[in-house]
Every structure is written in structure tokens, then in C-alpha cells.
Amino acid sequence: MFDAHAFRDALGTFVTGVTIVTARDEQGQPFGLTANSFNSVSLDPPMVLWSLSLQSRTLPVFRDAENWAVHVLAADQQDMSDRFAQSGEDKFAGLTALDGPEGAPLIEGCAARFGCRARFEYEGGDHAIFLGEVVDFDRREAEPLIYHCGRYGRVMQAPSAQDLERQGLAERGSGGLGLTAAGSDLLAALQALAKS
């Protein structure tokens, strides 16, 4: 028998971004939810996809929506992700729900946003897979929020030798680049943290 919990844990080792997908229902009310199932599909035409549980209460909204938008959250938007991950609340309470050019509500401050025209829906196991054609997008220079093994995280760039020198963590000597006392202390602290 397939161990669903172990399978989910194994899937959790794949680092994903965190998105909020938004749309309006037939009465024009804004809806949104946190999703990490976002993926690019095609550049020509520009298409993306995401998936939603068949048990979700918002499934009818997205099935009926002609347009929806995927917002790639920035690293400082963990609270927004948590807010839209909750069920049964008015997630847009206190937010200005202006629409993007495609007609789906905007979430401000994101790293990127893809406004889509709904094109196809497929059922895959216990999820609906939504495929949309990107009709509008924008991007800003912002570090993305990531998710790994059930926790939020941040992207950490591999530092260059110049970065380490500029931060006082390394210095050049006759034998090449070596750690300073501050660099050695930081390395020891990181190694201790990794063991805990």
C-alpha cells in the first residue's frame, strides 16, 4: 500500500515558490487562495498552470471564472500567504481589491503577477488543474518567498569571493582567500545550527 504521508513528505523536499491565485465570482466578489502548485507551461502562447483540491470550497469560483491571476509572493509576504491559506474568512477584508487588466483582483507588493484568461481545466486525481493564457504580467525586483518541507524560506545566493571580502568574512593572503575571525565564527555558528 502507498503511504500517503511519506509521499507528501517526499514531495515536500521539492522547493517551490508561494503564490496567491485570485478571481471574482459571478456576483463580482473577490476570492483568493494560497497555492504552491504553480508552473510555467508554454512561452508561445504564454501559458501557466496551477491546481486546486476537488474538495476546496472555492473550486466553483475558479471553475466559473473567465479570468484569474497568479501572484508570486515576495519574501516579506509570509503573512499574506498565511491569510489566504485560511479557509472560511473574508481574505480581502481591509484590502483594496482593484483588478488587473484581465479582471482578477490584484495583490500588492508581489514579486511577479500573471493575469490569465482561463483556457482549460483537467482533473488529475484529487485535484483540478487550471491552465491559463497569460494576457498581462508584471515583475519587480524582489526576493521571492519559498516553501520547503512544510516551512517558509528565502533564497540565499551563493556569495562570491568579493562578497565575502566586502562583508569582512574573508581576506586575501599569500595562500589565497581565507576566512577572517568573523568568517570562522559565522561558519562555526552555521555548522552548529545545522546539527541542531
N, C-alpha and C. Protein backbone atom coordinates (compact mmCIF):
# COMPACT_ATOMS: atom_id res chain seq x y z
N MET A 1 0.84 -1.19 0.00
CA MET A 1 0.00 0.00 0.00
C MET A 1 0.88 1.25 0.00
N PHE A 2 0.44 2.26 -0.70
CA PHE A 2 1.17 3.51 -0.84
C PHE A 2 0.98 4.34 0.43
N ASP A 3 2.05 4.77 1.08
CA ASP A 3 1.98 5.59 2.29
C ASP A 3 1.83 7.05 1.88
N ALA A 4 0.60 7.58 2.00
CA ALA A 4 0.30 8.95 1.56
C ALA A 4 1.10 9.98 2.34
N HIS A 5 1.30 9.77 3.63
CA HIS A 5 2.05 10.73 4.45
C HIS A 5 3.52 10.78 4.00
N ALA A 6 4.11 9.62 3.78
CA ALA A 6 5.51 9.57 3.33
C ALA A 6 5.64 10.19 1.94
N PHE A 7 4.64 9.95 1.08
CA PHE A 7 4.65 10.54 -0.26
C PHE A 7 4.61 12.06 -0.18
N ARG A 8 3.72 12.58 0.68
CA ARG A 8 3.62 14.04 0.85
C ARG A 8 4.95 14.61 1.37
N ASP A 9 5.58 13.93 2.34
CA ASP A 9 6.87 14.38 2.86
C ASP A 9 7.93 14.39 1.76
N ALA A 10 7.91 13.37 0.92
CA ALA A 10 8.88 13.32 -0.18
C ALA A 10 8.65 14.47 -1.16
N LEU A 11 7.39 14.76 -1.46
CA LEU A 11 7.09 15.89 -2.34
C LEU A 11 7.54 17.21 -1.71
N GLY A 12 7.48 17.28 -0.39
CA GLY A 12 7.87 18.50 0.32
C GLY A 12 9.34 18.84 0.19
N THR A 13 10.16 17.89 -0.25
CA THR A 13 11.58 18.19 -0.43
C THR A 13 11.83 19.04 -1.67
N PHE A 14 10.81 19.15 -2.53
CA PHE A 14 10.93 19.99 -3.71
C PHE A 14 10.63 21.42 -3.31
N VAL A 15 11.58 22.32 -3.51
CA VAL A 15 11.40 23.72 -3.15
C VAL A 15 10.46 24.39 -4.16
N THR A 16 9.44 25.05 -3.66
CA THR A 16 8.51 25.76 -4.54
C THR A 16 8.42 27.22 -4.15
N GLY A 17 7.90 28.01 -5.05
CA GLY A 17 7.52 29.36 -4.70
C GLY A 17 6.16 29.32 -4.03
N VAL A 18 5.71 30.47 -3.56
CA VAL A 18 4.40 30.58 -2.93
C VAL A 18 3.60 31.62 -3.71
N THR A 19 2.38 31.25 -4.09
CA THR A 19 1.55 32.16 -4.87
C THR A 19 0.19 32.35 -4.20
N ILE A 20 -0.48 33.41 -4.58
CA ILE A 20 -1.90 33.61 -4.29
C ILE A 20 -2.58 33.72 -5.64
N VAL A 21 -3.62 32.90 -5.83
CA VAL A 21 -4.40 32.94 -7.07
C VAL A 21 -5.72 33.64 -6.75
N THR A 22 -6.11 34.59 -7.59
CA THR A 22 -7.33 35.36 -7.35
C THR A 22 -8.27 35.32 -8.55
N ALA A 23 -9.54 35.50 -8.26
CA ALA A 23 -10.58 35.59 -9.29
C ALA A 23 -11.79 36.26 -8.66
N ARG A 24 -12.78 36.54 -9.47
CA ARG A 24 -14.06 37.07 -8.97
C ARG A 24 -15.16 36.06 -9.28
N ASP A 25 -16.13 35.96 -8.35
CA ASP A 25 -17.25 35.06 -8.60
C ASP A 25 -18.26 35.76 -9.50
N GLU A 26 -19.38 35.10 -9.78
CA GLU A 26 -20.38 35.65 -10.71
C GLU A 26 -21.00 36.95 -10.21
N GLN A 27 -20.99 37.17 -8.88
CA GLN A 27 -21.52 38.41 -8.32
C GLN A 27 -20.45 39.50 -8.22
N GLY A 28 -19.25 39.21 -8.64
CA GLY A 28 -18.16 40.18 -8.61
C GLY A 28 -17.38 40.21 -7.31
N GLN A 29 -17.63 39.27 -6.39
CA GLN A 29 -16.90 39.23 -5.13
C GLN A 29 -15.50 38.66 -5.36
N PRO A 30 -14.48 39.26 -4.71
CA PRO A 30 -13.12 38.75 -4.88
C PRO A 30 -12.88 37.48 -4.07
N PHE A 31 -12.16 36.54 -4.65
CA PHE A 31 -11.76 35.31 -3.99
C PHE A 31 -10.28 35.09 -4.24
N GLY A 32 -9.63 34.42 -3.31
CA GLY A 32 -8.22 34.11 -3.48
C GLY A 32 -7.80 33.01 -2.55
N LEU A 33 -6.71 32.37 -2.90
CA LEU A 33 -6.17 31.29 -2.07
C LEU A 33 -4.68 31.16 -2.31
N THR A 34 -3.99 30.63 -1.30
CA THR A 34 -2.57 30.38 -1.39
C THR A 34 -2.35 29.05 -2.10
N ALA A 35 -1.42 29.03 -3.04
CA ALA A 35 -1.12 27.80 -3.79
C ALA A 35 0.37 27.74 -4.08
N ASN A 36 0.94 26.54 -4.00
CA ASN A 36 2.34 26.39 -4.42
C ASN A 36 2.45 25.43 -5.60
N SER A 37 1.32 25.18 -6.25
CA SER A 37 1.28 24.26 -7.39
C SER A 37 1.43 24.97 -8.74
N PHE A 38 1.97 26.15 -8.74
CA PHE A 38 2.11 26.97 -9.94
C PHE A 38 3.28 26.49 -10.80
N ASN A 39 3.09 26.56 -12.14
CA ASN A 39 4.16 26.14 -13.04
C ASN A 39 3.99 26.82 -14.39
N SER A 40 5.10 27.06 -15.06
CA SER A 40 5.03 27.56 -16.44
C SER A 40 4.74 26.38 -17.36
N VAL A 41 4.08 26.67 -18.48
CA VAL A 41 3.72 25.64 -19.45
C VAL A 41 4.31 25.93 -20.82
N SER A 42 4.13 27.16 -21.29
CA SER A 42 4.49 27.49 -22.67
C SER A 42 4.87 28.96 -22.78
N LEU A 43 5.82 29.24 -23.67
CA LEU A 43 6.17 30.63 -23.97
C LEU A 43 5.38 31.16 -25.16
N ASP A 44 5.00 30.29 -26.07
CA ASP A 44 4.28 30.71 -27.27
C ASP A 44 3.17 29.71 -27.61
N PRO A 45 1.93 29.99 -27.20
CA PRO A 45 1.48 31.17 -26.47
C PRO A 45 1.92 31.10 -25.01
N PRO A 46 1.97 32.25 -24.33
CA PRO A 46 2.38 32.23 -22.93
C PRO A 46 1.29 31.60 -22.06
N MET A 47 1.62 30.48 -21.41
CA MET A 47 0.63 29.75 -20.61
C MET A 47 1.25 29.29 -19.29
N VAL A 48 0.41 29.26 -18.25
CA VAL A 48 0.81 28.77 -16.93
C VAL A 48 -0.29 27.85 -16.41
N LEU A 49 0.05 27.09 -15.35
CA LEU A 49 -0.97 26.24 -14.73
C LEU A 49 -0.82 26.27 -13.22
N TRP A 50 -1.87 25.85 -12.55
CA TRP A 50 -1.88 25.65 -11.11
C TRP A 50 -2.99 24.65 -10.81
N SER A 51 -2.98 24.09 -9.60
CA SER A 51 -4.01 23.10 -9.28
C SER A 51 -4.67 23.40 -7.95
N LEU A 52 -5.88 22.85 -7.78
CA LEU A 52 -6.70 23.10 -6.60
C LEU A 52 -7.43 21.81 -6.23
N SER A 53 -7.48 21.52 -4.95
CA SER A 53 -8.16 20.32 -4.46
C SER A 53 -9.62 20.30 -4.90
N LEU A 54 -10.09 19.14 -5.29
CA LEU A 54 -11.50 18.99 -5.66
C LEU A 54 -12.41 19.18 -4.45
N GLN A 55 -11.85 19.16 -3.24
CA GLN A 55 -12.62 19.38 -2.01
C GLN A 55 -12.69 20.85 -1.61
N SER A 56 -11.98 21.72 -2.31
CA SER A 56 -11.95 23.13 -1.94
C SER A 56 -13.31 23.79 -2.14
N ARG A 57 -13.69 24.62 -1.16
CA ARG A 57 -14.96 25.34 -1.26
C ARG A 57 -14.92 26.43 -2.34
N THR A 58 -13.73 26.84 -2.74
CA THR A 58 -13.63 27.87 -3.78
C THR A 58 -13.53 27.28 -5.18
N LEU A 59 -13.54 25.96 -5.29
CA LEU A 59 -13.44 25.32 -6.61
C LEU A 59 -14.48 25.86 -7.60
N PRO A 60 -15.76 26.00 -7.22
CA PRO A 60 -16.74 26.52 -8.19
C PRO A 60 -16.40 27.92 -8.70
N VAL A 61 -15.81 28.76 -7.84
CA VAL A 61 -15.44 30.12 -8.27
C VAL A 61 -14.44 30.04 -9.40
N PHE A 62 -13.40 29.23 -9.23
CA PHE A 62 -12.35 29.16 -10.25
C PHE A 62 -12.81 28.37 -11.49
N ARG A 63 -13.71 27.42 -11.30
CA ARG A 63 -14.25 26.71 -12.47
C ARG A 63 -15.08 27.63 -13.35
N ASP A 64 -15.78 28.59 -12.74
CA ASP A 64 -16.64 29.50 -13.49
C ASP A 64 -15.92 30.76 -13.97
N ALA A 65 -14.76 31.05 -13.40
CA ALA A 65 -14.06 32.30 -13.73
C ALA A 65 -13.53 32.28 -15.16
N GLU A 66 -13.74 33.38 -15.86
CA GLU A 66 -13.18 33.52 -17.20
C GLU A 66 -11.73 33.99 -17.13
N ASN A 67 -11.38 34.63 -16.01
CA ASN A 67 -10.04 35.16 -15.81
C ASN A 67 -9.60 34.90 -14.38
N TRP A 68 -8.32 34.72 -14.18
CA TRP A 68 -7.74 34.61 -12.85
C TRP A 68 -6.30 35.11 -12.92
N ALA A 69 -5.73 35.37 -11.75
CA ALA A 69 -4.36 35.88 -11.70
C ALA A 69 -3.55 35.11 -10.67
N VAL A 70 -2.29 34.88 -11.00
CA VAL A 70 -1.35 34.22 -10.09
C VAL A 70 -0.34 35.27 -9.64
N HIS A 71 -0.23 35.44 -8.31
CA HIS A 71 0.70 36.39 -7.72
C HIS A 71 1.83 35.62 -7.05
N VAL A 72 3.05 35.80 -7.52
CA VAL A 72 4.22 35.17 -6.90
C VAL A 72 4.62 36.06 -5.73
N LEU A 73 4.52 35.53 -4.51
CA LEU A 73 4.74 36.35 -3.33
C LEU A 73 6.21 36.68 -3.12
N ALA A 74 6.43 37.88 -2.57
CA ALA A 74 7.77 38.31 -2.20
C ALA A 74 8.10 37.77 -0.81
N ALA A 75 9.39 37.75 -0.47
CA ALA A 75 9.85 37.16 0.79
C ALA A 75 9.21 37.80 2.01
N ASP A 76 8.81 39.07 1.92
CA ASP A 76 8.20 39.75 3.06
C ASP A 76 6.68 39.58 3.12
N GLN A 77 6.11 38.65 2.34
CA GLN A 77 4.66 38.47 2.29
C GLN A 77 4.19 37.16 2.92
N GLN A 78 4.92 36.64 3.89
CA GLN A 78 4.51 35.41 4.56
C GLN A 78 3.15 35.59 5.24
N ASP A 79 2.90 36.75 5.85
CA ASP A 79 1.60 36.99 6.49
C ASP A 79 0.47 36.94 5.47
N MET A 80 0.72 37.45 4.27
CA MET A 80 -0.30 37.42 3.22
C MET A 80 -0.56 35.97 2.80
N SER A 81 0.48 35.17 2.69
CA SER A 81 0.32 33.76 2.36
C SER A 81 -0.52 33.06 3.41
N ASP A 82 -0.21 33.29 4.69
CA ASP A 82 -0.97 32.68 5.78
C ASP A 82 -2.44 33.11 5.74
N ARG A 83 -2.66 34.37 5.48
CA ARG A 83 -4.02 34.91 5.42
C ARG A 83 -4.86 34.21 4.36
N PHE A 84 -4.28 34.03 3.17
CA PHE A 84 -5.03 33.43 2.07
C PHE A 84 -5.04 31.90 2.13
N ALA A 85 -4.27 31.33 3.05
CA ALA A 85 -4.30 29.87 3.25
C ALA A 85 -5.43 29.46 4.19
N GLN A 86 -5.96 30.42 4.96
CA GLN A 86 -7.05 30.12 5.89
C GLN A 86 -8.35 29.92 5.13
N SER A 87 -9.19 29.05 5.64
CA SER A 87 -10.50 28.86 4.99
C SER A 87 -11.58 29.56 5.81
N GLY A 88 -12.66 29.92 5.13
CA GLY A 88 -13.83 30.47 5.79
C GLY A 88 -13.74 31.91 6.21
N GLU A 89 -12.76 32.65 5.77
CA GLU A 89 -12.64 34.06 6.13
C GLU A 89 -12.77 34.92 4.88
N ASP A 90 -13.11 36.22 5.10
CA ASP A 90 -13.07 37.18 4.01
C ASP A 90 -11.61 37.60 3.87
N LYS A 91 -10.90 36.98 2.98
CA LYS A 91 -9.47 37.20 2.85
C LYS A 91 -9.13 38.60 2.34
N PHE A 92 -10.10 39.26 1.72
CA PHE A 92 -9.85 40.60 1.19
C PHE A 92 -10.28 41.70 2.16
N ALA A 93 -10.74 41.34 3.38
CA ALA A 93 -11.15 42.34 4.36
C ALA A 93 -9.98 43.28 4.64
N GLY A 94 -10.21 44.58 4.49
CA GLY A 94 -9.17 45.56 4.73
C GLY A 94 -8.21 45.78 3.58
N LEU A 95 -8.37 45.01 2.49
CA LEU A 95 -7.52 45.19 1.31
C LEU A 95 -8.29 45.91 0.22
N THR A 96 -7.59 46.68 -0.56
CA THR A 96 -8.21 47.30 -1.73
C THR A 96 -8.18 46.27 -2.85
N ALA A 97 -9.35 45.87 -3.31
CA ALA A 97 -9.43 44.80 -4.32
C ALA A 97 -9.61 45.38 -5.72
N LEU A 98 -8.59 46.11 -6.18
CA LEU A 98 -8.61 46.60 -7.55
C LEU A 98 -8.28 45.44 -8.48
N ASP A 99 -8.72 45.54 -9.73
CA ASP A 99 -8.48 44.47 -10.69
C ASP A 99 -7.31 44.79 -11.61
N GLY A 100 -6.64 43.73 -12.06
CA GLY A 100 -5.64 43.86 -13.10
C GLY A 100 -6.33 43.95 -14.45
N PRO A 101 -5.58 44.16 -15.52
CA PRO A 101 -6.16 44.30 -16.86
C PRO A 101 -7.03 43.12 -17.29
N GLU A 102 -6.74 41.91 -16.77
CA GLU A 102 -7.53 40.73 -17.15
C GLU A 102 -8.82 40.61 -16.36
N GLY A 103 -8.97 41.39 -15.26
CA GLY A 103 -10.21 41.38 -14.49
C GLY A 103 -10.18 40.60 -13.20
N ALA A 104 -9.00 40.17 -12.74
CA ALA A 104 -8.88 39.45 -11.46
C ALA A 104 -8.28 40.40 -10.41
N PRO A 105 -8.66 40.23 -9.14
CA PRO A 105 -8.15 41.12 -8.09
C PRO A 105 -6.63 41.08 -7.97
N LEU A 106 -6.08 42.27 -7.69
CA LEU A 106 -4.64 42.44 -7.52
C LEU A 106 -4.24 42.25 -6.06
N ILE A 107 -3.10 41.63 -5.83
CA ILE A 107 -2.45 41.58 -4.52
C ILE A 107 -1.20 42.44 -4.66
N GLU A 108 -1.11 43.50 -3.88
CA GLU A 108 0.01 44.43 -3.99
C GLU A 108 1.30 43.85 -3.41
N GLY A 109 2.44 44.31 -3.91
CA GLY A 109 3.74 44.00 -3.33
C GLY A 109 4.36 42.68 -3.74
N CYS A 110 3.78 42.02 -4.72
CA CYS A 110 4.29 40.70 -5.14
C CYS A 110 5.57 40.83 -5.96
N ALA A 111 6.30 39.71 -6.03
CA ALA A 111 7.50 39.67 -6.86
C ALA A 111 7.12 39.64 -8.34
N ALA A 112 6.01 38.95 -8.67
CA ALA A 112 5.53 38.88 -10.06
C ALA A 112 4.03 38.58 -10.03
N ARG A 113 3.38 38.93 -11.12
CA ARG A 113 1.95 38.68 -11.25
C ARG A 113 1.65 38.29 -12.69
N PHE A 114 0.81 37.25 -12.85
CA PHE A 114 0.43 36.77 -14.18
C PHE A 114 -1.09 36.80 -14.29
N GLY A 115 -1.61 37.73 -15.08
CA GLY A 115 -3.05 37.80 -15.33
C GLY A 115 -3.40 36.89 -16.48
N CYS A 116 -4.37 36.00 -16.26
CA CYS A 116 -4.64 34.94 -17.24
C CYS A 116 -6.10 34.88 -17.67
N ARG A 117 -6.28 34.47 -18.91
CA ARG A 117 -7.59 34.09 -19.43
C ARG A 117 -7.69 32.58 -19.25
N ALA A 118 -8.72 32.13 -18.56
CA ALA A 118 -8.89 30.69 -18.32
C ALA A 118 -9.05 29.98 -19.66
N ARG A 119 -8.30 28.91 -19.87
CA ARG A 119 -8.36 28.18 -21.13
C ARG A 119 -8.84 26.75 -20.96
N PHE A 120 -8.24 25.99 -20.04
CA PHE A 120 -8.58 24.58 -19.89
C PHE A 120 -8.60 24.20 -18.42
N GLU A 121 -9.40 23.19 -18.11
CA GLU A 121 -9.38 22.58 -16.79
C GLU A 121 -9.37 21.07 -16.98
N TYR A 122 -8.51 20.41 -16.22
CA TYR A 122 -8.42 18.96 -16.26
C TYR A 122 -8.52 18.44 -14.84
N GLU A 123 -9.01 17.22 -14.69
CA GLU A 123 -8.97 16.59 -13.38
C GLU A 123 -7.81 15.63 -13.36
N GLY A 124 -6.99 15.76 -12.32
CA GLY A 124 -5.85 14.87 -12.12
C GLY A 124 -5.91 14.33 -10.71
N GLY A 125 -6.42 13.12 -10.55
CA GLY A 125 -6.55 12.54 -9.21
C GLY A 125 -7.52 13.36 -8.38
N ASP A 126 -7.05 13.86 -7.23
CA ASP A 126 -7.92 14.60 -6.32
C ASP A 126 -7.83 16.11 -6.51
N HIS A 127 -7.27 16.55 -7.64
CA HIS A 127 -7.12 17.98 -7.91
C HIS A 127 -7.66 18.36 -9.30
N ALA A 128 -8.09 19.62 -9.42
CA ALA A 128 -8.40 20.21 -10.71
C ALA A 128 -7.16 20.99 -11.14
N ILE A 129 -6.78 20.84 -12.39
CA ILE A 129 -5.61 21.53 -12.94
C ILE A 129 -6.13 22.62 -13.88
N PHE A 130 -5.78 23.87 -13.56
CA PHE A 130 -6.23 25.01 -14.35
C PHE A 130 -5.09 25.52 -15.22
N LEU A 131 -5.36 25.64 -16.50
CA LEU A 131 -4.39 26.13 -17.47
C LEU A 131 -4.90 27.45 -18.01
N GLY A 132 -4.04 28.47 -17.97
CA GLY A 132 -4.46 29.79 -18.43
C GLY A 132 -3.47 30.41 -19.39
N GLU A 133 -4.00 31.23 -20.28
CA GLU A 133 -3.15 32.00 -21.20
C GLU A 133 -2.84 33.34 -20.55
N VAL A 134 -1.57 33.66 -20.43
CA VAL A 134 -1.15 34.92 -19.81
C VAL A 134 -1.44 36.06 -20.78
N VAL A 135 -2.27 37.01 -20.32
CA VAL A 135 -2.61 38.17 -21.15
C VAL A 135 -1.96 39.44 -20.62
N ASP A 136 -1.44 39.37 -19.39
CA ASP A 136 -0.77 40.51 -18.78
C ASP A 136 0.14 39.98 -17.68
N PHE A 137 1.30 40.60 -17.49
CA PHE A 137 2.17 40.22 -16.38
C PHE A 137 3.01 41.41 -15.98
N ASP A 138 3.49 41.37 -14.74
CA ASP A 138 4.48 42.35 -14.31
C ASP A 138 5.40 41.70 -13.30
N ARG A 139 6.54 42.35 -13.09
CA ARG A 139 7.57 41.81 -12.21
C ARG A 139 8.31 42.97 -11.57
N ARG A 140 8.71 42.77 -10.33
CA ARG A 140 9.56 43.77 -9.69
C ARG A 140 10.75 43.06 -9.07
N GLU A 141 11.80 43.80 -8.82
CA GLU A 141 13.00 43.23 -8.21
C GLU A 141 12.70 42.99 -6.75
N ALA A 142 12.33 41.77 -6.43
CA ALA A 142 12.04 41.39 -5.05
C ALA A 142 12.40 39.93 -4.86
N GLU A 143 12.95 39.62 -3.72
CA GLU A 143 13.28 38.24 -3.39
C GLU A 143 11.98 37.47 -3.20
N PRO A 144 11.85 36.27 -3.78
CA PRO A 144 10.59 35.52 -3.65
C PRO A 144 10.49 34.77 -2.32
N LEU A 145 9.27 34.52 -1.90
CA LEU A 145 9.00 33.66 -0.75
C LEU A 145 9.04 32.22 -1.26
N ILE A 146 9.71 31.33 -0.53
CA ILE A 146 9.77 29.93 -0.96
C ILE A 146 9.22 29.03 0.14
N TYR A 147 8.93 27.79 -0.24
CA TYR A 147 8.36 26.81 0.69
C TYR A 147 9.10 25.49 0.50
N HIS A 148 9.52 24.89 1.64
CA HIS A 148 10.29 23.65 1.58
C HIS A 148 10.07 22.86 2.87
N CYS A 149 9.69 21.59 2.73
CA CYS A 149 9.48 20.70 3.88
C CYS A 149 8.56 21.30 4.94
N GLY A 150 7.47 21.93 4.48
CA GLY A 150 6.47 22.46 5.40
C GLY A 150 6.85 23.77 6.05
N ARG A 151 7.88 24.46 5.55
CA ARG A 151 8.31 25.72 6.13
C ARG A 151 8.57 26.75 5.05
N TYR A 152 8.35 28.01 5.43
CA TYR A 152 8.73 29.11 4.55
C TYR A 152 10.23 29.27 4.57
N GLY A 153 10.76 29.84 3.51
CA GLY A 153 12.19 30.10 3.44
C GLY A 153 12.47 31.28 2.52
N ARG A 154 13.73 31.53 2.35
CA ARG A 154 14.18 32.61 1.48
C ARG A 154 15.29 32.07 0.60
N VAL A 155 15.44 32.67 -0.56
CA VAL A 155 16.52 32.30 -1.47
C VAL A 155 17.81 32.88 -0.91
N MET A 156 18.83 32.04 -0.89
CA MET A 156 20.14 32.52 -0.46
C MET A 156 21.10 32.36 -1.63
N GLN A 157 21.58 33.49 -2.09
CA GLN A 157 22.53 33.48 -3.21
C GLN A 157 23.89 32.96 -2.72
N ALA A 158 24.57 32.19 -3.53
CA ALA A 158 25.92 31.76 -3.19
C ALA A 158 26.83 32.98 -3.25
N PRO A 159 27.52 33.29 -2.16
CA PRO A 159 28.34 34.50 -2.16
C PRO A 159 29.61 34.32 -3.00
N SER A 160 30.02 35.40 -3.61
CA SER A 160 31.28 35.39 -4.35
C SER A 160 32.42 35.73 -3.39
N ALA A 161 33.64 35.53 -3.84
CA ALA A 161 34.80 35.90 -3.03
C ALA A 161 34.76 37.38 -2.68
N GLN A 162 34.35 38.20 -3.64
CA GLN A 162 34.26 39.64 -3.40
C GLN A 162 33.21 39.96 -2.34
N ASP A 163 32.09 39.22 -2.35
CA ASP A 163 31.06 39.43 -1.33
C ASP A 163 31.62 39.13 0.06
N LEU A 164 32.33 38.01 0.19
CA LEU A 164 32.89 37.62 1.48
C LEU A 164 33.93 38.64 1.97
N GLU A 165 34.74 39.14 1.05
CA GLU A 165 35.72 40.16 1.43
C GLU A 165 35.03 41.45 1.84
N ARG A 166 34.04 41.88 1.08
CA ARG A 166 33.31 43.12 1.37
C ARG A 166 32.63 43.05 2.74
N GLN A 167 32.17 41.86 3.13
CA GLN A 167 31.49 41.70 4.41
C GLN A 167 32.45 41.40 5.55
N GLY A 168 33.74 41.37 5.26
CA GLY A 168 34.73 41.13 6.30
C GLY A 168 34.79 39.69 6.77
N LEU A 169 34.29 38.77 5.96
CA LEU A 169 34.28 37.36 6.34
C LEU A 169 35.47 36.60 5.77
N ALA A 170 36.14 37.17 4.79
CA ALA A 170 37.31 36.54 4.18
C ALA A 170 38.28 37.63 3.75
N GLU A 171 39.55 37.23 3.60
CA GLU A 171 40.58 38.18 3.14
C GLU A 171 41.60 37.42 2.32
N ARG A 172 42.23 38.14 1.41
CA ARG A 172 43.26 37.54 0.56
C ARG A 172 44.61 37.63 1.28
N GLY A 173 45.31 36.52 1.22
CA GLY A 173 46.65 36.47 1.78
C GLY A 173 47.57 35.81 0.78
N SER A 174 48.77 35.49 1.22
CA SER A 174 49.74 34.86 0.31
C SER A 174 49.27 33.48 -0.15
N GLY A 175 48.46 32.82 0.66
CA GLY A 175 47.96 31.50 0.29
C GLY A 175 46.62 31.54 -0.41
N GLY A 176 46.15 32.72 -0.78
CA GLY A 176 44.84 32.85 -1.43
C GLY A 176 43.80 33.39 -0.47
N LEU A 177 42.56 33.08 -0.72
CA LEU A 177 41.45 33.57 0.08
C LEU A 177 41.29 32.72 1.34
N GLY A 178 41.19 33.38 2.50
CA GLY A 178 41.00 32.67 3.76
C GLY A 178 39.98 33.38 4.62
N LEU A 179 39.37 32.64 5.53
CA LEU A 179 38.37 33.21 6.42
C LEU A 179 39.03 34.12 7.45
N THR A 180 38.34 35.21 7.79
CA THR A 180 38.75 36.06 8.90
C THR A 180 38.20 35.44 10.18
N ALA A 181 38.49 36.04 11.32
CA ALA A 181 37.96 35.55 12.60
C ALA A 181 36.43 35.61 12.56
N ALA A 182 35.87 36.69 12.01
CA ALA A 182 34.41 36.82 11.91
C ALA A 182 33.84 35.74 10.99
N GLY A 183 34.54 35.44 9.91
CA GLY A 183 34.10 34.40 9.00
C GLY A 183 34.14 33.03 9.65
N SER A 184 35.19 32.76 10.42
CA SER A 184 35.30 31.48 11.13
C SER A 184 34.20 31.34 12.18
N ASP A 185 33.91 32.44 12.89
CA ASP A 185 32.83 32.41 13.90
C ASP A 185 31.48 32.14 13.24
N LEU A 186 31.23 32.78 12.11
CA LEU A 186 29.96 32.57 11.40
C LEU A 186 29.85 31.14 10.90
N LEU A 187 30.92 30.60 10.35
CA LEU A 187 30.92 29.22 9.87
C LEU A 187 30.63 28.24 11.01
N ALA A 188 31.26 28.46 12.16
CA ALA A 188 31.04 27.58 13.31
C ALA A 188 29.58 27.67 13.78
N ALA A 189 29.02 28.87 13.79
CA ALA A 189 27.63 29.04 14.21
C ALA A 189 26.68 28.35 13.24
N LEU A 190 26.95 28.46 11.96
CA LEU A 190 26.09 27.80 10.96
C LEU A 190 26.20 26.28 11.05
N GLN A 191 27.39 25.77 11.29
CA GLN A 191 27.57 24.33 11.44
C GLN A 191 26.84 23.81 12.68
N ALA A 192 26.89 24.56 13.77
CA ALA A 192 26.18 24.17 14.99
C ALA A 192 24.67 24.20 14.77
N LEU A 193 24.21 25.20 14.06
CA LEU A 193 22.77 25.32 13.75
C LEU A 193 22.31 24.17 12.89
N ALA A 194 23.13 23.76 11.93
CA ALA A 194 22.77 22.67 11.03
C ALA A 194 22.65 21.34 11.78
N LYS A 195 23.43 21.18 12.86
CA LYS A 195 23.40 19.93 13.64
C LYS A 195 22.22 19.88 14.60
N SER A 196 21.64 21.04 14.93
CA SER A 196 20.54 21.07 15.92
C SER A 196 19.20 20.72 15.32
